[in-house]
């Protein structure tokens, strides 16, 4: 991947005219940010819950990313481009050569209008939150639902996610999470399943298990006309097939992680009114614990990524610790 990283930061390697290119890395993607467009290449990684290890799989999930994200972000996701070799260098320009990788091409989002950017400028208003709540409530009401999707609301099926999280985080004990934190969160989660099975089943009866977004935090929401929401999970259906409250819990947790507890309260009030939600506070708390733990896990994965600079790996480790601390704090506040 190091050669792709170097070659695709050359403006001449891109299909659209640009003066400069910058690189953003996540644990699963290389994101090349140009003047007007963004090109996302999936890393050849296999985390079990995510498998981009072959060219065929990366091509498939690039197309799934475009298809699924068009549900909430019309006009942003354009197409999938082949990465080819031309005169010994990787390029996204048309060469007629054989594809050695693939990239999703997107229109560049104005970073200064991202929800996270407005948050840090202290510019988020109730009207902004009302717009987000309305868009999400409408999306959730229209999102696909069928017997297969309903199954993912069953506690025994959802437990696959939490069990996987706990298993994958064990190797990071003493690095990004303490033994006490992991034991406490794991024990509380097990007890919640045992004591609240009927809550999960009632949500299925109410039709609240849908094909959702799955990765709903402030960096994926743009507060411009239409409130486009992007970068949903394409790589594993079970992370999108969930309770609509689990989807919203991610965004509420993200606001609280960054110190926006009052904004999270307003957003929940607005969403609850639009979606006609009632008596779901216990489940909402459960899903906030889950979402904070997931963010701790995926940030922690970057500790092992050799393509990321050491200082960036340490920043990711610090973020992971903060997310795990938040999950643990939720558990203490929710009690037994």
C-alpha atoms as a PDB file:
ATOM      1  CA  UNK A   1       0.000   0.000   0.000  1.00  0.00           C
ATOM      2  CA  UNK A   2       2.953   2.355   0.551  1.00  0.00           C
ATOM      3  CA  UNK A   3       3.510   2.782  -3.197  1.00  0.00           C
ATOM      4  CA  UNK A   4      -0.175   3.506  -3.823  1.00  0.00           C
ATOM      5  CA  UNK A   5      -0.021   6.050  -1.004  1.00  0.00           C
ATOM      6  CA  UNK A   6       2.900   7.801  -2.674  1.00  0.00           C
ATOM      7  CA  UNK A   7       1.705   7.602  -6.288  1.00  0.00           C
ATOM      8  CA  UNK A   8      -1.923   8.688  -5.761  1.00  0.00           C
ATOM      9  CA  UNK A   9      -0.839  11.821  -3.898  1.00  0.00           C
ATOM     10  CA  UNK A  10       0.506  13.054  -7.246  1.00  0.00           C
ATOM     11  CA  UNK A  11      -2.173  15.329  -8.825  1.00  0.00           C
ATOM     12  CA  UNK A  12      -1.221  13.902 -12.211  1.00  0.00           C
ATOM     13  CA  UNK A  13      -2.388  10.444 -11.123  1.00  0.00           C
ATOM     14  CA  UNK A  14      -5.972  11.588 -10.587  1.00  0.00           C
ATOM     15  CA  UNK A  15      -8.684  11.763 -13.284  1.00  0.00           C
ATOM     16  CA  UNK A  16      -9.991  15.204 -12.294  1.00  0.00           C
ATOM     17  CA  UNK A  17      -7.928  18.394 -12.370  1.00  0.00           C
ATOM     18  CA  UNK A  18      -6.580  19.363  -8.974  1.00  0.00           C
ATOM     19  CA  UNK A  19      -3.824  21.569  -7.598  1.00  0.00           C
ATOM     20  CA  UNK A  20      -3.115  19.453  -4.542  1.00  0.00           C
ATOM     21  CA  UNK A  21      -3.856  16.112  -2.907  1.00  0.00           C
ATOM     22  CA  UNK A  22      -3.796  15.215   0.787  1.00  0.00           C
ATOM     23  CA  UNK A  23      -4.077  11.821   2.433  1.00  0.00           C
ATOM     24  CA  UNK A  24      -6.317  10.765   5.311  1.00  0.00           C
ATOM     25  CA  UNK A  25      -5.963   7.239   6.690  1.00  0.00           C
ATOM     26  CA  UNK A  26      -8.399   5.166   8.703  1.00  0.00           C
ATOM     27  CA  UNK A  27      -7.969   1.593   9.875  1.00  0.00           C
ATOM     28  CA  UNK A  28      -9.671   0.401   6.653  1.00  0.00           C
ATOM     29  CA  UNK A  29      -9.166   3.086   3.994  1.00  0.00           C
ATOM     30  CA  UNK A  30      -6.793   5.420   2.200  1.00  0.00           C
ATOM     31  CA  UNK A  31      -8.670   8.635   1.409  1.00  0.00           C
ATOM     32  CA  UNK A  32      -7.097  10.930  -1.187  1.00  0.00           C
ATOM     33  CA  UNK A  33      -8.598  14.407  -0.866  1.00  0.00           C
ATOM     34  CA  UNK A  34      -8.299  16.598  -3.980  1.00  0.00           C
ATOM     35  CA  UNK A  35      -9.676  20.075  -4.690  1.00  0.00           C
ATOM     36  CA  UNK A  36     -13.164  19.015  -5.795  1.00  0.00           C
ATOM     37  CA  UNK A  37     -13.266  15.240  -5.393  1.00  0.00           C
ATOM     38  CA  UNK A  38     -12.290  12.514  -2.925  1.00  0.00           C
ATOM     39  CA  UNK A  39     -11.008   9.053  -3.887  1.00  0.00           C
ATOM     40  CA  UNK A  40     -11.258   6.244  -1.332  1.00  0.00           C
ATOM     41  CA  UNK A  41      -9.174   3.055  -1.671  1.00  0.00           C
ATOM     42  CA  UNK A  42      -9.896   0.167   0.680  1.00  0.00           C
ATOM     43  CA  UNK A  43      -6.945  -1.369   2.517  1.00  0.00           C
ATOM     44  CA  UNK A  44      -6.408  -5.138   1.959  1.00  0.00           C
ATOM     45  CA  UNK A  45      -7.241  -5.973   5.579  1.00  0.00           C
ATOM     46  CA  UNK A  46      -9.261  -8.750   7.212  1.00  0.00           C
ATOM     47  CA  UNK A  47     -10.605  -8.064  10.709  1.00  0.00           C
ATOM     48  CA  UNK A  48     -13.079 -10.935  10.665  1.00  0.00           C
ATOM     49  CA  UNK A  49     -16.113  -8.650  10.719  1.00  0.00           C
ATOM     50  CA  UNK A  50     -14.631  -6.921   7.661  1.00  0.00           C
ATOM     51  CA  UNK A  51     -12.790  -8.631   4.809  1.00  0.00           C
ATOM     52  CA  UNK A  52     -11.159  -6.566   2.054  1.00  0.00           C
ATOM     53  CA  UNK A  53      -8.359  -9.082   1.589  1.00  0.00           C
ATOM     54  CA  UNK A  54      -8.910  -9.779  -2.129  1.00  0.00           C
ATOM     55  CA  UNK A  55      -9.245  -7.527  -5.154  1.00  0.00           C
ATOM     56  CA  UNK A  56     -12.656  -9.013  -5.963  1.00  0.00           C
ATOM     57  CA  UNK A  57     -13.957  -8.226  -2.480  1.00  0.00           C
ATOM     58  CA  UNK A  58     -12.644  -4.663  -2.591  1.00  0.00           C
ATOM     59  CA  UNK A  59     -14.322  -4.086  -5.952  1.00  0.00           C
ATOM     60  CA  UNK A  60     -17.622  -5.494  -4.661  1.00  0.00           C
ATOM     61  CA  UNK A  61     -17.613  -3.363  -1.518  1.00  0.00           C
ATOM     62  CA  UNK A  62     -16.700  -0.223  -3.460  1.00  0.00           C
ATOM     63  CA  UNK A  63     -19.879  -0.666  -5.501  1.00  0.00           C
ATOM     64  CA  UNK A  64     -21.885  -1.441  -2.346  1.00  0.00           C
ATOM     65  CA  UNK A  65     -20.570   1.741  -0.767  1.00  0.00           C
ATOM     66  CA  UNK A  66     -21.834   3.842  -3.669  1.00  0.00           C
ATOM     67  CA  UNK A  67     -25.207   2.093  -3.781  1.00  0.00           C
ATOM     68  CA  UNK A  68     -25.959   2.244  -0.060  1.00  0.00           C
ATOM     69  CA  UNK A  69     -24.758   5.792   0.530  1.00  0.00           C
ATOM     70  CA  UNK A  70     -26.928   7.218  -2.210  1.00  0.00           C
ATOM     71  CA  UNK A  71     -29.880   6.620   0.142  1.00  0.00           C
ATOM     72  CA  UNK A  72     -28.930   9.614   2.308  1.00  0.00           C
ATOM     73  CA  UNK A  73     -26.512  11.642   0.171  1.00  0.00           C
ATOM     74  CA  UNK A  74     -27.829  12.246  -3.321  1.00  0.00           C
ATOM     75  CA  UNK A  75     -25.199  13.543  -5.761  1.00  0.00           C
ATOM     76  CA  UNK A  76     -22.152  12.884  -3.580  1.00  0.00           C
ATOM     77  CA  UNK A  77     -21.230   9.318  -4.540  1.00  0.00           C
ATOM     78  CA  UNK A  78     -20.312   9.307  -8.234  1.00  0.00           C
ATOM     79  CA  UNK A  79     -18.758   6.010  -9.331  1.00  0.00           C
ATOM     80  CA  UNK A  80     -16.048   3.386  -8.847  1.00  0.00           C
ATOM     81  CA  UNK A  81     -12.733   3.772 -10.672  1.00  0.00           C
ATOM     82  CA  UNK A  82     -10.023   1.167 -11.337  1.00  0.00           C
ATOM     83  CA  UNK A  83      -6.517   1.746 -10.044  1.00  0.00           C
ATOM     84  CA  UNK A  84      -4.093   0.681 -12.770  1.00  0.00           C
ATOM     85  CA  UNK A  85      -0.353   0.626 -13.325  1.00  0.00           C
ATOM     86  CA  UNK A  86       1.071   2.942 -15.994  1.00  0.00           C
ATOM     87  CA  UNK A  87       4.823   3.141 -16.586  1.00  0.00           C
ATOM     88  CA  UNK A  88       5.453   1.607 -13.186  1.00  0.00           C
ATOM     89  CA  UNK A  89       3.207   3.970 -11.229  1.00  0.00           C
ATOM     90  CA  UNK A  90      -0.305   3.614  -9.817  1.00  0.00           C
ATOM     91  CA  UNK A  91      -2.914   5.879 -11.388  1.00  0.00           C
ATOM     92  CA  UNK A  92      -6.652   6.541 -11.427  1.00  0.00           C
ATOM     93  CA  UNK A  93      -6.533   7.914 -14.964  1.00  0.00           C
ATOM     94  CA  UNK A  94      -7.914   5.773 -17.788  1.00  0.00           C
ATOM     95  CA  UNK A  95      -5.059   3.694 -19.166  1.00  0.00           C
ATOM     96  CA  UNK A  96      -6.815   0.616 -20.461  1.00  0.00           C
ATOM     97  CA  UNK A  97      -4.640  -1.426 -18.126  1.00  0.00           C
ATOM     98  CA  UNK A  98      -5.769  -4.197 -15.809  1.00  0.00           C
ATOM     99  CA  UNK A  99      -7.235  -3.084 -12.489  1.00  0.00           C
ATOM    100  CA  UNK A 100      -4.952  -3.701  -9.522  1.00  0.00           C
ATOM    101  CA  UNK A 101      -7.298  -1.994  -7.080  1.00  0.00           C
ATOM    102  CA  UNK A 102     -10.419   0.195  -6.974  1.00  0.00           C
ATOM    103  CA  UNK A 103     -11.437   3.585  -5.615  1.00  0.00           C
ATOM    104  CA  UNK A 104     -14.775   5.170  -4.811  1.00  0.00           C
ATOM    105  CA  UNK A 105     -15.037   8.662  -6.327  1.00  0.00           C
ATOM    106  CA  UNK A 106     -17.052  11.221  -4.346  1.00  0.00           C
ATOM    107  CA  UNK A 107     -17.708  14.934  -4.561  1.00  0.00           C
ATOM    108  CA  UNK A 108     -15.799  16.682  -1.829  1.00  0.00           C
ATOM    109  CA  UNK A 109     -17.912  17.734   1.131  1.00  0.00           C
ATOM    110  CA  UNK A 110     -17.311  21.274   2.467  1.00  0.00           C
ATOM    111  CA  UNK A 111     -15.405  20.440   5.654  1.00  0.00           C
ATOM    112  CA  UNK A 112     -16.418  23.700   7.311  1.00  0.00           C
ATOM    113  CA  UNK A 113     -20.084  22.609   7.126  1.00  0.00           C
ATOM    114  CA  UNK A 114     -19.581  19.198   8.696  1.00  0.00           C
ATOM    115  CA  UNK A 115     -21.548  18.804  11.903  1.00  0.00           C
ATOM    116  CA  UNK A 116     -18.288  18.215  13.769  1.00  0.00           C
ATOM    117  CA  UNK A 117     -16.801  21.461  12.424  1.00  0.00           C
ATOM    118  CA  UNK A 118     -19.851  23.473  13.477  1.00  0.00           C
ATOM    119  CA  UNK A 119     -19.767  21.777  16.855  1.00  0.00           C
ATOM    120  CA  UNK A 120     -16.214  22.915  17.547  1.00  0.00           C
ATOM    121  CA  UNK A 121     -17.099  26.446  16.422  1.00  0.00           C
ATOM    122  CA  UNK A 122     -20.053  26.355  18.827  1.00  0.00           C
ATOM    123  CA  UNK A 123     -22.414  27.054  15.917  1.00  0.00           C
ATOM    124  CA  UNK A 124     -24.877  24.169  16.096  1.00  0.00           C
ATOM    125  CA  UNK A 125     -28.409  25.444  16.608  1.00  0.00           C
ATOM    126  CA  UNK A 126     -31.656  23.759  17.532  1.00  0.00           C
ATOM    127  CA  UNK A 127     -32.743  24.183  13.896  1.00  0.00           C
ATOM    128  CA  UNK A 128     -29.690  22.187  12.795  1.00  0.00           C
ATOM    129  CA  UNK A 129     -30.546  19.425  15.235  1.00  0.00           C
ATOM    130  CA  UNK A 130     -34.176  19.485  14.157  1.00  0.00           C
ATOM    131  CA  UNK A 131     -33.119  19.046  10.520  1.00  0.00           C
ATOM    132  CA  UNK A 132     -30.855  16.120  11.382  1.00  0.00           C
ATOM    133  CA  UNK A 133     -33.604  14.524  13.481  1.00  0.00           C
ATOM    134  CA  UNK A 134     -36.173  14.944  10.710  1.00  0.00           C
ATOM    135  CA  UNK A 135     -33.895  13.472   8.023  1.00  0.00           C
ATOM    136  CA  UNK A 136     -32.975  10.487  10.198  1.00  0.00           C
ATOM    137  CA  UNK A 137     -36.518   9.801  11.371  1.00  0.00           C
ATOM    138  CA  UNK A 138     -37.732   9.880   7.758  1.00  0.00           C
ATOM    139  CA  UNK A 139     -34.877   7.653   6.623  1.00  0.00           C
ATOM    140  CA  UNK A 140     -35.512   5.143   9.402  1.00  0.00           C
ATOM    141  CA  UNK A 141     -39.231   5.018   8.635  1.00  0.00           C
ATOM    142  CA  UNK A 142     -38.518   4.213   4.960  1.00  0.00           C
ATOM    143  CA  UNK A 143     -35.488   1.956   5.391  1.00  0.00           C
ATOM    144  CA  UNK A 144     -35.854  -1.660   4.327  1.00  0.00           C
ATOM    145  CA  UNK A 145     -37.422  -4.141   6.706  1.00  0.00           C
ATOM    146  CA  UNK A 146     -38.053  -7.862   6.218  1.00  0.00           C
ATOM    147  CA  UNK A 147     -37.938 -11.079   8.294  1.00  0.00           C
ATOM    148  CA  UNK A 148     -34.184 -11.462   7.709  1.00  0.00           C
ATOM    149  CA  UNK A 149     -33.500  -7.925   8.933  1.00  0.00           C
ATOM    150  CA  UNK A 150     -35.890  -8.418  11.892  1.00  0.00           C
ATOM    151  CA  UNK A 151     -33.714 -11.283  13.146  1.00  0.00           C
ATOM    152  CA  UNK A 152     -30.913  -8.834  13.877  1.00  0.00           C
ATOM    153  CA  UNK A 153     -33.075  -7.275  16.574  1.00  0.00           C
ATOM    154  CA  UNK A 154     -33.139 -10.528  18.542  1.00  0.00           C
ATOM    155  CA  UNK A 155     -30.834 -10.327  21.588  1.00  0.00           C
ATOM    156  CA  UNK A 156     -29.163 -13.647  20.742  1.00  0.00           C
ATOM    157  CA  UNK A 157     -28.298 -12.365  17.262  1.00  0.00           C
ATOM    158  CA  UNK A 158     -27.182  -8.891  18.336  1.00  0.00           C
ATOM    159  CA  UNK A 159     -25.037 -10.537  21.018  1.00  0.00           C
ATOM    160  CA  UNK A 160     -22.753 -11.751  18.207  1.00  0.00           C
ATOM    161  CA  UNK A 161     -21.634  -8.109  17.846  1.00  0.00           C
ATOM    162  CA  UNK A 162     -20.889  -7.505  21.508  1.00  0.00           C
ATOM    163  CA  UNK A 163     -19.187 -10.894  21.951  1.00  0.00           C
ATOM    164  CA  UNK A 164     -16.997 -10.134  18.944  1.00  0.00           C
ATOM    165  CA  UNK A 165     -16.115  -6.726  20.370  1.00  0.00           C
ATOM    166  CA  UNK A 166     -15.024  -8.152  23.702  1.00  0.00           C
ATOM    167  CA  UNK A 167     -12.949 -10.878  22.076  1.00  0.00           C
ATOM    168  CA  UNK A 168     -11.194  -8.485  19.685  1.00  0.00           C
ATOM    169  CA  UNK A 169     -10.343  -5.988  22.413  1.00  0.00           C
ATOM    170  CA  UNK A 170      -8.723  -8.508  24.775  1.00  0.00           C
ATOM    171  CA  UNK A 171      -5.315  -8.091  23.111  1.00  0.00           C
ATOM    172  CA  UNK A 172      -5.425  -4.356  23.905  1.00  0.00           C
ATOM    173  CA  UNK A 173      -5.908  -4.748  27.667  1.00  0.00           C
ATOM    174  CA  UNK A 174      -3.280  -2.569  29.305  1.00  0.00           C
ATOM    175  CA  UNK A 175      -2.833  -0.583  26.079  1.00  0.00           C
ATOM    176  CA  UNK A 176      -6.169   1.106  25.326  1.00  0.00           C
ATOM    177  CA  UNK A 177      -8.474  -0.451  27.950  1.00  0.00           C
ATOM    178  CA  UNK A 178      -7.982  -1.686  31.508  1.00  0.00           C
ATOM    179  CA  UNK A 179      -8.891  -5.144  32.719  1.00  0.00           C
ATOM    180  CA  UNK A 180     -11.418  -3.592  35.125  1.00  0.00           C
ATOM    181  CA  UNK A 181     -13.103  -1.595  32.345  1.00  0.00           C
ATOM    182  CA  UNK A 182     -13.418  -4.599  30.047  1.00  0.00           C
ATOM    183  CA  UNK A 183     -14.706  -6.865  32.821  1.00  0.00           C
ATOM    184  CA  UNK A 184     -17.225  -4.289  34.017  1.00  0.00           C
ATOM    185  CA  UNK A 185     -18.623  -3.476  30.564  1.00  0.00           C
ATOM    186  CA  UNK A 186     -18.759  -7.140  29.586  1.00  0.00           C
ATOM    187  CA  UNK A 187     -20.533  -8.179  32.784  1.00  0.00           C
ATOM    188  CA  UNK A 188     -23.058  -5.346  32.559  1.00  0.00           C
ATOM    189  CA  UNK A 189     -23.813  -6.209  28.922  1.00  0.00           C
ATOM    190  CA  UNK A 190     -24.397  -9.883  29.746  1.00  0.00           C
ATOM    191  CA  UNK A 191     -26.749  -8.917  32.579  1.00  0.00           C
ATOM    192  CA  UNK A 192     -28.676  -6.538  30.327  1.00  0.00           C
ATOM    193  CA  UNK A 193     -29.375  -9.296  27.803  1.00  0.00           C
ATOM    194  CA  UNK A 194     -30.613 -11.606  30.565  1.00  0.00           C
ATOM    195  CA  UNK A 195     -32.873  -9.046  32.226  1.00  0.00           C
ATOM    196  CA  UNK A 196     -34.311  -7.278  29.172  1.00  0.00           C
ATOM    197  CA  UNK A 197     -34.985  -9.863  26.474  1.00  0.00           C
ATOM    198  CA  UNK A 198     -38.592  -8.690  26.092  1.00  0.00           C
ATOM    199  CA  UNK A 199     -37.431  -5.145  25.276  1.00  0.00           C
ATOM    200  CA  UNK A 200     -35.569  -6.405  22.199  1.00  0.00           C
ATOM    201  CA  UNK A 201     -38.479  -8.551  21.034  1.00  0.00           C
ATOM    202  CA  UNK A 202     -40.967  -5.714  21.439  1.00  0.00           C
ATOM    203  CA  UNK A 203     -38.867  -3.555  19.117  1.00  0.00           C
ATOM    204  CA  UNK A 204     -39.138  -6.215  16.427  1.00  0.00           C
ATOM    205  CA  UNK A 205     -42.930  -6.280  16.808  1.00  0.00           C
ATOM    206  CA  UNK A 206     -43.020  -2.497  16.415  1.00  0.00           C
ATOM    207  CA  UNK A 207     -41.075  -2.673  13.139  1.00  0.00           C
ATOM    208  CA  UNK A 208     -38.079  -0.762  14.473  1.00  0.00           C
ATOM    209  CA  UNK A 209     -35.377  -3.082  13.083  1.00  0.00           C
ATOM    210  CA  UNK A 210     -34.272  -1.628   9.750  1.00  0.00           C
ATOM    211  CA  UNK A 211     -31.444  -1.416   7.229  1.00  0.00           C
ATOM    212  CA  UNK A 212     -29.862   1.628   8.870  1.00  0.00           C
ATOM    213  CA  UNK A 213     -26.702   3.713   8.407  1.00  0.00           C
ATOM    214  CA  UNK A 214     -24.503   1.949  10.959  1.00  0.00           C
ATOM    215  CA  UNK A 215     -21.766   4.571  11.408  1.00  0.00           C
ATOM    216  CA  UNK A 216     -23.682   7.667  12.354  1.00  0.00           C
ATOM    217  CA  UNK A 217     -21.398  10.271  13.893  1.00  0.00           C
ATOM    218  CA  UNK A 218     -20.732  13.983  13.387  1.00  0.00           C
ATOM    219  CA  UNK A 219     -18.017  13.581  10.750  1.00  0.00           C
ATOM    220  CA  UNK A 220     -20.568  11.917   8.464  1.00  0.00           C
ATOM    221  CA  UNK A 221     -23.222  14.654   8.536  1.00  0.00           C
ATOM    222  CA  UNK A 222     -23.081  17.844   6.476  1.00  0.00           C
ATOM    223  CA  UNK A 223     -25.211  20.763   7.633  1.00  0.00           C
ATOM    224  CA  UNK A 224     -25.953  22.139   4.174  1.00  0.00           C
ATOM    225  CA  UNK A 225     -29.148  22.066   2.130  1.00  0.00           C
ATOM    226  CA  UNK A 226     -30.844  18.695   2.438  1.00  0.00           C
ATOM    227  CA  UNK A 227     -28.555  17.600   5.309  1.00  0.00           C
ATOM    228  CA  UNK A 228     -26.619  14.912   3.394  1.00  0.00           C
ATOM    229  CA  UNK A 229     -25.388  12.009   5.503  1.00  0.00           C
ATOM    230  CA  UNK A 230     -22.653   9.796   4.077  1.00  0.00           C
ATOM    231  CA  UNK A 231     -20.116   7.013   4.756  1.00  0.00           C
ATOM    232  CA  UNK A 232     -22.512   4.331   5.987  1.00  0.00           C
ATOM    233  CA  UNK A 233     -21.282   0.796   6.655  1.00  0.00           C
ATOM    234  CA  UNK A 234     -21.150  -1.261   3.477  1.00  0.00           C
ATOM    235  CA  UNK A 235     -18.810  -4.069   4.516  1.00  0.00           C
ATOM    236  CA  UNK A 236     -21.078  -6.058   6.837  1.00  0.00           C
ATOM    237  CA  UNK A 237     -24.877  -6.104   6.746  1.00  0.00           C
ATOM    238  CA  UNK A 238     -25.209  -7.054  10.410  1.00  0.00           C
ATOM    239  CA  UNK A 239     -23.777  -3.682  11.434  1.00  0.00           C
ATOM    240  CA  UNK A 240     -26.475  -1.857   9.460  1.00  0.00           C
ATOM    241  CA  UNK A 241     -29.369  -4.197  10.254  1.00  0.00           C
ATOM    242  CA  UNK A 242     -30.262  -2.838  13.651  1.00  0.00           C
ATOM    243  CA  UNK A 243     -32.731  -1.079  15.857  1.00  0.00           C
ATOM    244  CA  UNK A 244     -33.238   2.489  14.654  1.00  0.00           C
ATOM    245  CA  UNK A 245     -32.483   3.617  18.204  1.00  0.00           C
ATOM    246  CA  UNK A 246     -29.114   1.849  17.971  1.00  0.00           C
ATOM    247  CA  UNK A 247     -28.388   3.930  14.860  1.00  0.00           C
ATOM    248  CA  UNK A 248     -29.237   7.212  16.591  1.00  0.00           C
ATOM    249  CA  UNK A 249     -27.389   6.162  19.749  1.00  0.00           C
ATOM    250  CA  UNK A 250     -24.127   6.452  17.800  1.00  0.00           C
ATOM    251  CA  UNK A 251     -24.693  10.149  17.104  1.00  0.00           C
ATOM    252  CA  UNK A 252     -25.875  10.893  20.643  1.00  0.00           C
ATOM    253  CA  UNK A 253     -22.799   9.132  22.026  1.00  0.00           C
ATOM    254  CA  UNK A 254     -20.541  11.089  19.655  1.00  0.00           C
ATOM    255  CA  UNK A 255     -21.969  14.391  20.849  1.00  0.00           C
ATOM    256  CA  UNK A 256     -21.515  13.369  24.481  1.00  0.00           C
ATOM    257  CA  UNK A 257     -17.967  12.127  23.834  1.00  0.00           C
ATOM    258  CA  UNK A 258     -17.073  15.619  22.606  1.00  0.00           C
ATOM    259  CA  UNK A 259     -18.789  17.375  25.513  1.00  0.00           C
ATOM    260  CA  UNK A 260     -22.114  18.114  23.808  1.00  0.00           C
ATOM    261  CA  UNK A 261     -24.450  16.519  26.333  1.00  0.00           C
ATOM    262  CA  UNK A 262     -27.011  19.322  26.091  1.00  0.00           C
ATOM    263  CA  UNK A 263     -27.057  19.109  22.275  1.00  0.00           C
ATOM    264  CA  UNK A 264     -27.509  15.344  22.484  1.00  0.00           C
ATOM    265  CA  UNK A 265     -30.510  15.875  24.745  1.00  0.00           C
ATOM    266  CA  UNK A 266     -32.104  18.275  22.240  1.00  0.00           C
ATOM    267  CA  UNK A 267     -31.409  15.954  19.309  1.00  0.00           C
ATOM    268  CA  UNK A 268     -32.995  13.037  21.143  1.00  0.00           C
ATOM    269  CA  UNK A 269     -36.068  15.143  21.979  1.00  0.00           C
ATOM    270  CA  UNK A 270     -36.493  16.187  18.351  1.00  0.00           C
ATOM    271  CA  UNK A 271     -35.898  12.697  16.968  1.00  0.00           C
ATOM    272  CA  UNK A 272     -38.269  11.123  19.471  1.00  0.00           C
ATOM    273  CA  UNK A 273     -41.011  13.548  18.437  1.00  0.00           C
ATOM    274  CA  UNK A 274     -40.545  12.909  14.693  1.00  0.00           C
ATOM    275  CA  UNK A 275     -40.285   9.132  15.077  1.00  0.00           C
ATOM    276  CA  UNK A 276     -42.925   8.831  17.805  1.00  0.00           C
ATOM    277  CA  UNK A 277     -40.590   6.898  20.071  1.00  0.00           C
ATOM    278  CA  UNK A 278     -41.653   6.089  23.635  1.00  0.00           C
ATOM    279  CA  UNK A 279     -40.227   4.147  26.574  1.00  0.00           C
ATOM    280  CA  UNK A 280     -36.877   3.282  24.997  1.00  0.00           C
ATOM    281  CA  UNK A 281     -34.473   4.990  27.407  1.00  0.00           C
ATOM    282  CA  UNK A 282     -33.078   1.696  28.742  1.00  0.00           C
ATOM    283  CA  UNK A 283     -32.328   0.388  25.263  1.00  0.00           C
ATOM    284  CA  UNK A 284     -30.889   3.740  24.252  1.00  0.00           C
ATOM    285  CA  UNK A 285     -28.439   3.534  27.151  1.00  0.00           C
ATOM    286  CA  UNK A 286     -27.480  -0.020  26.181  1.00  0.00           C
ATOM    287  CA  UNK A 287     -26.773   1.008  22.605  1.00  0.00           C
ATOM    288  CA  UNK A 288     -24.712   4.039  23.679  1.00  0.00           C
ATOM    289  CA  UNK A 289     -22.469   1.706  25.671  1.00  0.00           C
ATOM    290  CA  UNK A 290     -22.162  -0.497  22.596  1.00  0.00           C
ATOM    291  CA  UNK A 291     -21.371   2.424  20.264  1.00  0.00           C
ATOM    292  CA  UNK A 292     -18.721   3.900  22.563  1.00  0.00           C
ATOM    293  CA  UNK A 293     -17.081   0.480  22.859  1.00  0.00           C
ATOM    294  CA  UNK A 294     -17.060   0.031  19.067  1.00  0.00           C
ATOM    295  CA  UNK A 295     -15.348   3.392  18.593  1.00  0.00           C
ATOM    296  CA  UNK A 296     -12.770   2.433  21.190  1.00  0.00           C
ATOM    297  CA  UNK A 297     -12.137  -0.825  19.367  1.00  0.00           C
ATOM    298  CA  UNK A 298     -11.728   0.587  15.860  1.00  0.00           C
ATOM    299  CA  UNK A 299      -9.485   3.430  17.023  1.00  0.00           C
ATOM    300  CA  UNK A 300      -7.401   0.874  18.888  1.00  0.00           C
ATOM    301  CA  UNK A 301      -6.878  -1.149  15.728  1.00  0.00           C
ATOM    302  CA  UNK A 302      -4.688   1.655  14.377  1.00  0.00           C
ATOM    303  CA  UNK A 303      -2.081   0.846  17.029  1.00  0.00           C
ATOM    304  CA  UNK A 304      -1.106  -2.157  14.876  1.00  0.00           C
ATOM    305  CA  UNK A 305      -1.131  -0.410  11.475  1.00  0.00           C
ATOM    306  CA  UNK A 306       2.479  -0.003  10.226  1.00  0.00           C
ATOM    307  CA  UNK A 307       1.400   2.370   7.438  1.00  0.00           C
ATOM    308  CA  UNK A 308       0.377   4.983  10.038  1.00  0.00           C
ATOM    309  CA  UNK A 309       3.021   7.244  11.584  1.00  0.00           C
ATOM    310  CA  UNK A 310       3.890   6.488  15.244  1.00  0.00           C
ATOM    311  CA  UNK A 311       2.512   9.809  16.519  1.00  0.00           C
ATOM    312  CA  UNK A 312      -0.779   9.170  14.688  1.00  0.00           C
ATOM    313  CA  UNK A 313      -0.952   5.682  16.192  1.00  0.00           C
ATOM    314  CA  UNK A 314      -0.545   7.185  19.656  1.00  0.00           C
ATOM    315  CA  UNK A 315      -3.290   9.730  18.934  1.00  0.00           C
ATOM    316  CA  UNK A 316      -5.570   6.857  17.911  1.00  0.00           C
ATOM    317  CA  UNK A 317      -4.686   4.981  21.100  1.00  0.00           C
ATOM    318  CA  UNK A 318      -5.591   8.025  23.186  1.00  0.00           C
ATOM    319  CA  UNK A 319      -8.943   8.321  21.405  1.00  0.00           C
ATOM    320  CA  UNK A 320      -9.573   4.632  22.039  1.00  0.00           C
ATOM    321  CA  UNK A 321      -8.900   5.085  25.759  1.00  0.00           C
ATOM    322  CA  UNK A 322     -11.360   7.990  25.917  1.00  0.00           C
ATOM    323  CA  UNK A 323     -14.084   5.988  24.179  1.00  0.00           C
ATOM    324  CA  UNK A 324     -13.606   3.042  26.527  1.00  0.00           C
ATOM    325  CA  UNK A 325     -13.709   5.444  29.482  1.00  0.00           C
ATOM    326  CA  UNK A 326     -17.019   6.810  28.168  1.00  0.00           C
ATOM    327  CA  UNK A 327     -18.477   3.304  27.768  1.00  0.00           C
ATOM    328  CA  UNK A 328     -17.410   2.506  31.321  1.00  0.00           C
ATOM    329  CA  UNK A 329     -18.920   5.750  32.622  1.00  0.00           C
ATOM    330  CA  UNK A 330     -22.235   4.936  30.906  1.00  0.00           C
ATOM    331  CA  UNK A 331     -22.243   1.535  32.614  1.00  0.00           C
ATOM    332  CA  UNK A 332     -21.648   3.100  36.036  1.00  0.00           C
ATOM    333  CA  UNK A 333     -24.403   5.660  35.451  1.00  0.00           C
ATOM    334  CA  UNK A 334     -26.890   3.060  34.202  1.00  0.00           C
ATOM    335  CA  UNK A 335     -26.091   0.695  37.081  1.00  0.00           C
ATOM    336  CA  UNK A 336     -27.695  -2.712  37.320  1.00  0.00           C
END
